[in-house]
């Protein structure tokens, strides 16, 4: 694992409110923020939060115990909530005297944080969260993956039959304008001098071969975009930034 992988997670899942961590890799999957007001009921609120965190931690998600904690740090609940939102915690819960009295919990899903211009939260029974926390995290994981995959596929173009078409597609693309995504093209897996010639040709356009997808469609009957030889697979070509 490297900082490049961390950067990939940030770029793939981040939004204008900060990071969104897929639950399977989130160090803290559920954070419970007690709403304390320097009143006698604060003790009951903290005890309620600790018991809730213990109940959730006995459940599992992705074949592991759920990582749930109570944020007992001093400070305003709203400030702590936003710290966890910006850090990408998948589920942020808030519990105050009202929730304790009703045996409720108010939660925010990091993947569905806004409804228009306002923060979207859901109130449910404490027992309900403890019983469904694993399913909730699984749903968030699936939703983030589906969103990322949809965006990825929407940025892959595959209509290219000639190198001239590829060149024209990227001609108006710069580092800051007209993002073109990736071009999926057929090629013959050349080696040695033939491969170096292709790399030089692409370099002149500030393009590189990014990767060969693991899940390949059949290239039977296709011709290599670069050499017109029978194609063996598809590769993705993109702008080198």
C-alpha atoms as a PDB file:
ATOM      1  CA  UNK A   1       0.000   0.000   0.000  1.00  0.00           C
ATOM      2  CA  UNK A   2       1.273   3.448  -0.878  1.00  0.00           C
ATOM      3  CA  UNK A   3       0.279   7.096  -0.699  1.00  0.00           C
ATOM      4  CA  UNK A   4      -0.801   6.778  -4.330  1.00  0.00           C
ATOM      5  CA  UNK A   5      -3.450   4.250  -3.301  1.00  0.00           C
ATOM      6  CA  UNK A   6      -4.640   6.599  -0.549  1.00  0.00           C
ATOM      7  CA  UNK A   7      -4.857   9.379  -3.126  1.00  0.00           C
ATOM      8  CA  UNK A   8      -6.898   7.107  -5.374  1.00  0.00           C
ATOM      9  CA  UNK A   9      -9.414   6.540  -2.578  1.00  0.00           C
ATOM     10  CA  UNK A  10      -9.676  10.281  -1.926  1.00  0.00           C
ATOM     11  CA  UNK A  11     -10.163  11.125  -5.608  1.00  0.00           C
ATOM     12  CA  UNK A  12     -12.624   8.303  -6.200  1.00  0.00           C
ATOM     13  CA  UNK A  13     -14.896   8.838  -3.224  1.00  0.00           C
ATOM     14  CA  UNK A  14     -14.298  12.370  -1.905  1.00  0.00           C
ATOM     15  CA  UNK A  15     -16.890  15.121  -2.275  1.00  0.00           C
ATOM     16  CA  UNK A  16     -17.223  18.817  -1.436  1.00  0.00           C
ATOM     17  CA  UNK A  17     -17.647  17.963   2.263  1.00  0.00           C
ATOM     18  CA  UNK A  18     -14.416  15.958   2.497  1.00  0.00           C
ATOM     19  CA  UNK A  19     -13.520  12.280   2.341  1.00  0.00           C
ATOM     20  CA  UNK A  20     -15.963   9.392   2.039  1.00  0.00           C
ATOM     21  CA  UNK A  21     -14.398   6.126   3.140  1.00  0.00           C
ATOM     22  CA  UNK A  22     -15.802   2.798   1.968  1.00  0.00           C
ATOM     23  CA  UNK A  23     -16.809   1.014   5.201  1.00  0.00           C
ATOM     24  CA  UNK A  24     -14.612  -2.022   4.542  1.00  0.00           C
ATOM     25  CA  UNK A  25     -11.451   0.116   4.898  1.00  0.00           C
ATOM     26  CA  UNK A  26     -12.715   2.784   7.323  1.00  0.00           C
ATOM     27  CA  UNK A  27     -10.749   2.700  10.600  1.00  0.00           C
ATOM     28  CA  UNK A  28     -13.923   3.848  12.386  1.00  0.00           C
ATOM     29  CA  UNK A  29     -17.090   2.601  10.741  1.00  0.00           C
ATOM     30  CA  UNK A  30     -19.607   4.103  13.163  1.00  0.00           C
ATOM     31  CA  UNK A  31     -18.900   7.042  15.460  1.00  0.00           C
ATOM     32  CA  UNK A  32     -21.377   8.027  18.158  1.00  0.00           C
ATOM     33  CA  UNK A  33     -21.302  11.685  19.168  1.00  0.00           C
ATOM     34  CA  UNK A  34     -22.967  12.441  22.529  1.00  0.00           C
ATOM     35  CA  UNK A  35     -24.717  15.808  22.754  1.00  0.00           C
ATOM     36  CA  UNK A  36     -23.638  17.119  26.149  1.00  0.00           C
ATOM     37  CA  UNK A  37     -24.897  20.350  27.706  1.00  0.00           C
ATOM     38  CA  UNK A  38     -23.163  20.425  31.110  1.00  0.00           C
ATOM     39  CA  UNK A  39     -26.329  19.188  32.761  1.00  0.00           C
ATOM     40  CA  UNK A  40     -27.041  16.254  35.108  1.00  0.00           C
ATOM     41  CA  UNK A  41     -28.488  14.206  32.243  1.00  0.00           C
ATOM     42  CA  UNK A  42     -25.064  14.157  30.541  1.00  0.00           C
ATOM     43  CA  UNK A  43     -24.096  11.091  32.583  1.00  0.00           C
ATOM     44  CA  UNK A  44     -27.090   9.166  31.265  1.00  0.00           C
ATOM     45  CA  UNK A  45     -26.324  10.270  27.705  1.00  0.00           C
ATOM     46  CA  UNK A  46     -22.735   9.027  27.924  1.00  0.00           C
ATOM     47  CA  UNK A  47     -23.787   5.716  29.445  1.00  0.00           C
ATOM     48  CA  UNK A  48     -26.393   5.285  26.700  1.00  0.00           C
ATOM     49  CA  UNK A  49     -23.753   5.946  24.020  1.00  0.00           C
ATOM     50  CA  UNK A  50     -21.279   3.493  25.511  1.00  0.00           C
ATOM     51  CA  UNK A  51     -23.917   0.777  25.735  1.00  0.00           C
ATOM     52  CA  UNK A  52     -24.980   1.436  22.143  1.00  0.00           C
ATOM     53  CA  UNK A  53     -21.387   1.261  20.901  1.00  0.00           C
ATOM     54  CA  UNK A  54     -20.894  -2.037  22.733  1.00  0.00           C
ATOM     55  CA  UNK A  55     -24.074  -3.466  21.180  1.00  0.00           C
ATOM     56  CA  UNK A  56     -22.999  -2.423  17.689  1.00  0.00           C
ATOM     57  CA  UNK A  57     -19.479  -3.788  18.200  1.00  0.00           C
ATOM     58  CA  UNK A  58     -20.919  -7.229  18.890  1.00  0.00           C
ATOM     59  CA  UNK A  59     -22.347  -7.229  15.357  1.00  0.00           C
ATOM     60  CA  UNK A  60     -20.285  -7.932  12.253  1.00  0.00           C
ATOM     61  CA  UNK A  61     -19.778  -6.454   8.803  1.00  0.00           C
ATOM     62  CA  UNK A  62     -17.526  -7.886   6.080  1.00  0.00           C
ATOM     63  CA  UNK A  63     -16.823 -10.893   8.350  1.00  0.00           C
ATOM     64  CA  UNK A  64     -15.292  -8.701  11.083  1.00  0.00           C
ATOM     65  CA  UNK A  65     -16.592  -7.020  14.246  1.00  0.00           C
ATOM     66  CA  UNK A  66     -17.992  -3.576  13.506  1.00  0.00           C
ATOM     67  CA  UNK A  67     -15.622  -0.777  14.501  1.00  0.00           C
ATOM     68  CA  UNK A  68     -17.783   1.568  16.595  1.00  0.00           C
ATOM     69  CA  UNK A  69     -16.585   4.178  19.075  1.00  0.00           C
ATOM     70  CA  UNK A  70     -17.964   6.980  21.237  1.00  0.00           C
ATOM     71  CA  UNK A  71     -16.366  10.408  20.755  1.00  0.00           C
ATOM     72  CA  UNK A  72     -15.917  11.507  24.363  1.00  0.00           C
ATOM     73  CA  UNK A  73     -13.645  14.423  23.550  1.00  0.00           C
ATOM     74  CA  UNK A  74     -14.581  17.832  24.969  1.00  0.00           C
ATOM     75  CA  UNK A  75     -16.134  20.293  22.566  1.00  0.00           C
ATOM     76  CA  UNK A  76     -19.372  21.024  20.780  1.00  0.00           C
ATOM     77  CA  UNK A  77     -21.189  18.076  19.264  1.00  0.00           C
ATOM     78  CA  UNK A  78     -21.674  19.875  15.936  1.00  0.00           C
ATOM     79  CA  UNK A  79     -17.918  20.470  15.605  1.00  0.00           C
ATOM     80  CA  UNK A  80     -17.110  16.851  16.373  1.00  0.00           C
ATOM     81  CA  UNK A  81     -19.773  15.680  13.937  1.00  0.00           C
ATOM     82  CA  UNK A  82     -18.241  17.706  11.123  1.00  0.00           C
ATOM     83  CA  UNK A  83     -14.762  16.452  11.931  1.00  0.00           C
ATOM     84  CA  UNK A  84     -15.942  12.881  11.423  1.00  0.00           C
ATOM     85  CA  UNK A  85     -17.880  13.779   8.286  1.00  0.00           C
ATOM     86  CA  UNK A  86     -14.818  15.417   6.741  1.00  0.00           C
ATOM     87  CA  UNK A  87     -12.708  12.391   7.667  1.00  0.00           C
ATOM     88  CA  UNK A  88     -15.121  10.096   5.882  1.00  0.00           C
ATOM     89  CA  UNK A  89     -16.649   8.047   8.716  1.00  0.00           C
ATOM     90  CA  UNK A  90     -19.402   6.002   7.001  1.00  0.00           C
ATOM     91  CA  UNK A  91     -22.004   6.516   9.757  1.00  0.00           C
ATOM     92  CA  UNK A  92     -22.063   9.359  12.278  1.00  0.00           C
ATOM     93  CA  UNK A  93     -24.612   9.078  15.084  1.00  0.00           C
ATOM     94  CA  UNK A  94     -25.780  11.760  17.478  1.00  0.00           C
ATOM     95  CA  UNK A  95     -27.349  11.058  20.836  1.00  0.00           C
ATOM     96  CA  UNK A  96     -28.760  13.656  23.217  1.00  0.00           C
ATOM     97  CA  UNK A  97     -31.188  13.629  26.124  1.00  0.00           C
ATOM     98  CA  UNK A  98     -34.139  13.466  23.695  1.00  0.00           C
ATOM     99  CA  UNK A  99     -32.795  10.306  22.034  1.00  0.00           C
ATOM    100  CA  UNK A 100     -32.124   8.720  25.430  1.00  0.00           C
ATOM    101  CA  UNK A 101     -35.672   9.419  26.599  1.00  0.00           C
ATOM    102  CA  UNK A 102     -37.126   7.824  23.461  1.00  0.00           C
ATOM    103  CA  UNK A 103     -34.534   5.014  23.085  1.00  0.00           C
ATOM    104  CA  UNK A 104     -33.638   6.473  19.699  1.00  0.00           C
ATOM    105  CA  UNK A 105     -30.499   7.365  17.771  1.00  0.00           C
ATOM    106  CA  UNK A 106     -30.080   9.971  15.030  1.00  0.00           C
ATOM    107  CA  UNK A 107     -27.651   9.028  12.267  1.00  0.00           C
ATOM    108  CA  UNK A 108     -26.096  10.492   9.146  1.00  0.00           C
ATOM    109  CA  UNK A 109     -24.980   8.296   6.263  1.00  0.00           C
ATOM    110  CA  UNK A 110     -21.808   9.755   4.785  1.00  0.00           C
ATOM    111  CA  UNK A 111     -22.754   8.592   1.298  1.00  0.00           C
ATOM    112  CA  UNK A 112     -26.131  10.382   1.499  1.00  0.00           C
ATOM    113  CA  UNK A 113     -25.219  13.396   3.533  1.00  0.00           C
ATOM    114  CA  UNK A 114     -27.303  16.040   1.752  1.00  0.00           C
ATOM    115  CA  UNK A 115     -30.874  16.428   0.610  1.00  0.00           C
ATOM    116  CA  UNK A 116     -30.657  19.555  -1.479  1.00  0.00           C
ATOM    117  CA  UNK A 117     -28.896  22.140   0.672  1.00  0.00           C
ATOM    118  CA  UNK A 118     -29.559  20.579   4.058  1.00  0.00           C
ATOM    119  CA  UNK A 119     -27.985  17.758   6.001  1.00  0.00           C
ATOM    120  CA  UNK A 120     -30.066  14.594   5.841  1.00  0.00           C
ATOM    121  CA  UNK A 121     -30.399  12.556   9.010  1.00  0.00           C
ATOM    122  CA  UNK A 122     -32.510   9.609  10.068  1.00  0.00           C
ATOM    123  CA  UNK A 123     -33.886   8.754  13.488  1.00  0.00           C
ATOM    124  CA  UNK A 124     -34.457   5.141  14.384  1.00  0.00           C
ATOM    125  CA  UNK A 125     -34.752   2.980  17.446  1.00  0.00           C
ATOM    126  CA  UNK A 126     -31.576   2.060  19.282  1.00  0.00           C
ATOM    127  CA  UNK A 127     -32.339  -1.657  18.938  1.00  0.00           C
ATOM    128  CA  UNK A 128     -32.929  -1.148  15.230  1.00  0.00           C
ATOM    129  CA  UNK A 129     -29.446   0.277  14.662  1.00  0.00           C
ATOM    130  CA  UNK A 130     -27.772  -2.437  16.714  1.00  0.00           C
ATOM    131  CA  UNK A 131     -29.538  -5.125  14.684  1.00  0.00           C
ATOM    132  CA  UNK A 132     -29.073  -3.608  11.236  1.00  0.00           C
ATOM    133  CA  UNK A 133     -25.658  -1.920  11.510  1.00  0.00           C
ATOM    134  CA  UNK A 134     -23.950  -4.639   9.461  1.00  0.00           C
ATOM    135  CA  UNK A 135     -26.519  -4.410   6.678  1.00  0.00           C
ATOM    136  CA  UNK A 136     -26.271  -0.610   6.744  1.00  0.00           C
ATOM    137  CA  UNK A 137     -22.497  -0.662   6.265  1.00  0.00           C
ATOM    138  CA  UNK A 138     -22.817  -3.266   3.511  1.00  0.00           C
ATOM    139  CA  UNK A 139     -25.339  -1.049   1.725  1.00  0.00           C
ATOM    140  CA  UNK A 140     -23.047   1.993   1.975  1.00  0.00           C
ATOM    141  CA  UNK A 141     -20.144  -0.048   0.596  1.00  0.00           C
ATOM    142  CA  UNK A 142     -22.248  -1.191  -2.356  1.00  0.00           C
ATOM    143  CA  UNK A 143     -23.593   2.310  -3.026  1.00  0.00           C
ATOM    144  CA  UNK A 144     -20.123   3.893  -3.110  1.00  0.00           C
ATOM    145  CA  UNK A 145     -18.819   1.149  -5.397  1.00  0.00           C
ATOM    146  CA  UNK A 146     -21.778   1.493  -7.770  1.00  0.00           C
ATOM    147  CA  UNK A 147     -21.392   5.266  -7.922  1.00  0.00           C
ATOM    148  CA  UNK A 148     -17.670   5.009  -8.652  1.00  0.00           C
ATOM    149  CA  UNK A 149     -18.166   2.316 -11.288  1.00  0.00           C
ATOM    150  CA  UNK A 150     -20.878   4.317 -13.052  1.00  0.00           C
ATOM    151  CA  UNK A 151     -18.599   7.357 -13.204  1.00  0.00           C
ATOM    152  CA  UNK A 152     -15.673   5.232 -14.428  1.00  0.00           C
ATOM    153  CA  UNK A 153     -17.618   3.625 -17.262  1.00  0.00           C
ATOM    154  CA  UNK A 154     -19.123   6.966 -18.276  1.00  0.00           C
ATOM    155  CA  UNK A 155     -15.590   8.253 -18.886  1.00  0.00           C
ATOM    156  CA  UNK A 156     -14.433   5.406 -21.131  1.00  0.00           C
ATOM    157  CA  UNK A 157     -14.954   5.846 -24.883  1.00  0.00           C
ATOM    158  CA  UNK A 158     -14.531   2.948 -27.303  1.00  0.00           C
ATOM    159  CA  UNK A 159     -15.555   4.223 -30.735  1.00  0.00           C
ATOM    160  CA  UNK A 160     -12.028   4.419 -32.155  1.00  0.00           C
ATOM    161  CA  UNK A 161     -11.009   2.475 -35.256  1.00  0.00           C
ATOM    162  CA  UNK A 162      -7.944   4.498 -36.372  1.00  0.00           C
ATOM    163  CA  UNK A 163      -5.136   6.401 -34.712  1.00  0.00           C
ATOM    164  CA  UNK A 164      -6.351   9.592 -36.397  1.00  0.00           C
ATOM    165  CA  UNK A 165      -9.670   9.240 -34.601  1.00  0.00           C
ATOM    166  CA  UNK A 166      -7.859   8.782 -31.299  1.00  0.00           C
ATOM    167  CA  UNK A 167      -5.705  11.852 -31.964  1.00  0.00           C
ATOM    168  CA  UNK A 168      -8.736  13.965 -32.868  1.00  0.00           C
ATOM    169  CA  UNK A 169     -10.544  12.902 -29.693  1.00  0.00           C
ATOM    170  CA  UNK A 170      -7.748  14.132 -27.427  1.00  0.00           C
ATOM    171  CA  UNK A 171      -6.617  17.076 -29.575  1.00  0.00           C
ATOM    172  CA  UNK A 172      -8.601  19.718 -27.656  1.00  0.00           C
ATOM    173  CA  UNK A 173      -7.942  18.191 -24.254  1.00  0.00           C
ATOM    174  CA  UNK A 174      -5.518  20.007 -21.948  1.00  0.00           C
ATOM    175  CA  UNK A 175      -4.553  19.635 -18.339  1.00  0.00           C
ATOM    176  CA  UNK A 176      -7.355  21.948 -17.220  1.00  0.00           C
ATOM    177  CA  UNK A 177     -10.012  21.782 -19.952  1.00  0.00           C
ATOM    178  CA  UNK A 178     -12.072  19.305 -21.958  1.00  0.00           C
ATOM    179  CA  UNK A 179     -11.421  16.200 -19.886  1.00  0.00           C
ATOM    180  CA  UNK A 180     -11.708  13.216 -22.218  1.00  0.00           C
ATOM    181  CA  UNK A 181     -11.359  10.359 -19.776  1.00  0.00           C
ATOM    182  CA  UNK A 182      -9.956   7.169 -21.279  1.00  0.00           C
ATOM    183  CA  UNK A 183     -10.040   5.616 -24.734  1.00  0.00           C
ATOM    184  CA  UNK A 184     -10.466   1.856 -24.974  1.00  0.00           C
ATOM    185  CA  UNK A 185      -8.653   0.641 -28.080  1.00  0.00           C
ATOM    186  CA  UNK A 186      -7.708  -2.700 -29.584  1.00  0.00           C
ATOM    187  CA  UNK A 187      -4.050  -3.588 -29.902  1.00  0.00           C
ATOM    188  CA  UNK A 188      -1.768  -6.473 -30.810  1.00  0.00           C
ATOM    189  CA  UNK A 189       0.456  -6.504 -27.673  1.00  0.00           C
ATOM    190  CA  UNK A 190       3.627  -5.476 -29.535  1.00  0.00           C
ATOM    191  CA  UNK A 191       7.030  -5.766 -27.909  1.00  0.00           C
ATOM    192  CA  UNK A 192      10.500  -4.296 -28.313  1.00  0.00           C
ATOM    193  CA  UNK A 193      11.006  -1.633 -30.952  1.00  0.00           C
ATOM    194  CA  UNK A 194       7.376  -1.805 -32.109  1.00  0.00           C
ATOM    195  CA  UNK A 195       6.163  -1.018 -28.590  1.00  0.00           C
ATOM    196  CA  UNK A 196       8.692   1.806 -28.183  1.00  0.00           C
ATOM    197  CA  UNK A 197       7.478   3.354 -31.444  1.00  0.00           C
ATOM    198  CA  UNK A 198       3.900   3.355 -30.194  1.00  0.00           C
ATOM    199  CA  UNK A 199       4.913   4.886 -26.874  1.00  0.00           C
ATOM    200  CA  UNK A 200       6.820   7.641 -28.707  1.00  0.00           C
ATOM    201  CA  UNK A 201       3.820   8.344 -30.912  1.00  0.00           C
ATOM    202  CA  UNK A 202       1.527   8.607 -27.914  1.00  0.00           C
ATOM    203  CA  UNK A 203       3.995  10.706 -25.951  1.00  0.00           C
ATOM    204  CA  UNK A 204       3.847  13.379 -28.661  1.00  0.00           C
ATOM    205  CA  UNK A 205       0.144  13.735 -27.798  1.00  0.00           C
ATOM    206  CA  UNK A 206       0.806  13.590 -24.035  1.00  0.00           C
ATOM    207  CA  UNK A 207      -0.922  10.201 -23.953  1.00  0.00           C
ATOM    208  CA  UNK A 208       0.103   6.912 -22.376  1.00  0.00           C
ATOM    209  CA  UNK A 209      -1.265   3.392 -22.228  1.00  0.00           C
ATOM    210  CA  UNK A 210      -2.729   3.317 -18.730  1.00  0.00           C
ATOM    211  CA  UNK A 211      -3.605  -0.365 -18.332  1.00  0.00           C
ATOM    212  CA  UNK A 212      -5.140  -3.494 -19.832  1.00  0.00           C
ATOM    213  CA  UNK A 213      -8.456  -4.233 -18.044  1.00  0.00           C
ATOM    214  CA  UNK A 214      -8.508  -7.595 -16.279  1.00  0.00           C
ATOM    215  CA  UNK A 215     -12.010  -8.288 -17.572  1.00  0.00           C
ATOM    216  CA  UNK A 216     -11.559  -8.301 -21.330  1.00  0.00           C
ATOM    217  CA  UNK A 217     -14.153  -8.432 -24.077  1.00  0.00           C
ATOM    218  CA  UNK A 218     -13.238 -10.608 -27.030  1.00  0.00           C
ATOM    219  CA  UNK A 219     -10.930  -8.854 -29.504  1.00  0.00           C
ATOM    220  CA  UNK A 220     -11.595 -11.438 -32.214  1.00  0.00           C
ATOM    221  CA  UNK A 221     -11.985  -9.799 -35.603  1.00  0.00           C
ATOM    222  CA  UNK A 222     -10.587  -6.459 -34.403  1.00  0.00           C
ATOM    223  CA  UNK A 223      -7.473  -4.772 -35.785  1.00  0.00           C
ATOM    224  CA  UNK A 224      -4.788  -3.092 -33.702  1.00  0.00           C
ATOM    225  CA  UNK A 225      -5.298   0.662 -33.668  1.00  0.00           C
ATOM    226  CA  UNK A 226      -1.566   1.254 -33.972  1.00  0.00           C
ATOM    227  CA  UNK A 227      -0.330  -1.428 -36.391  1.00  0.00           C
ATOM    228  CA  UNK A 228      -3.464  -2.808 -38.064  1.00  0.00           C
ATOM    229  CA  UNK A 229      -2.322  -6.281 -37.023  1.00  0.00           C
ATOM    230  CA  UNK A 230      -4.907  -8.688 -35.558  1.00  0.00           C
ATOM    231  CA  UNK A 231      -5.782  -7.431 -32.086  1.00  0.00           C
ATOM    232  CA  UNK A 232      -5.190  -9.591 -29.003  1.00  0.00           C
ATOM    233  CA  UNK A 233      -6.787  -7.456 -26.302  1.00  0.00           C
ATOM    234  CA  UNK A 234      -7.990  -3.971 -25.380  1.00  0.00           C
ATOM    235  CA  UNK A 235      -6.048  -1.301 -23.505  1.00  0.00           C
ATOM    236  CA  UNK A 236      -7.019   2.043 -22.009  1.00  0.00           C
ATOM    237  CA  UNK A 237      -5.224   5.136 -23.290  1.00  0.00           C
ATOM    238  CA  UNK A 238      -5.388   8.414 -21.416  1.00  0.00           C
ATOM    239  CA  UNK A 239      -3.833  11.810 -20.873  1.00  0.00           C
ATOM    240  CA  UNK A 240      -0.634  11.789 -18.801  1.00  0.00           C
ATOM    241  CA  UNK A 241      -0.991  14.512 -16.145  1.00  0.00           C
END
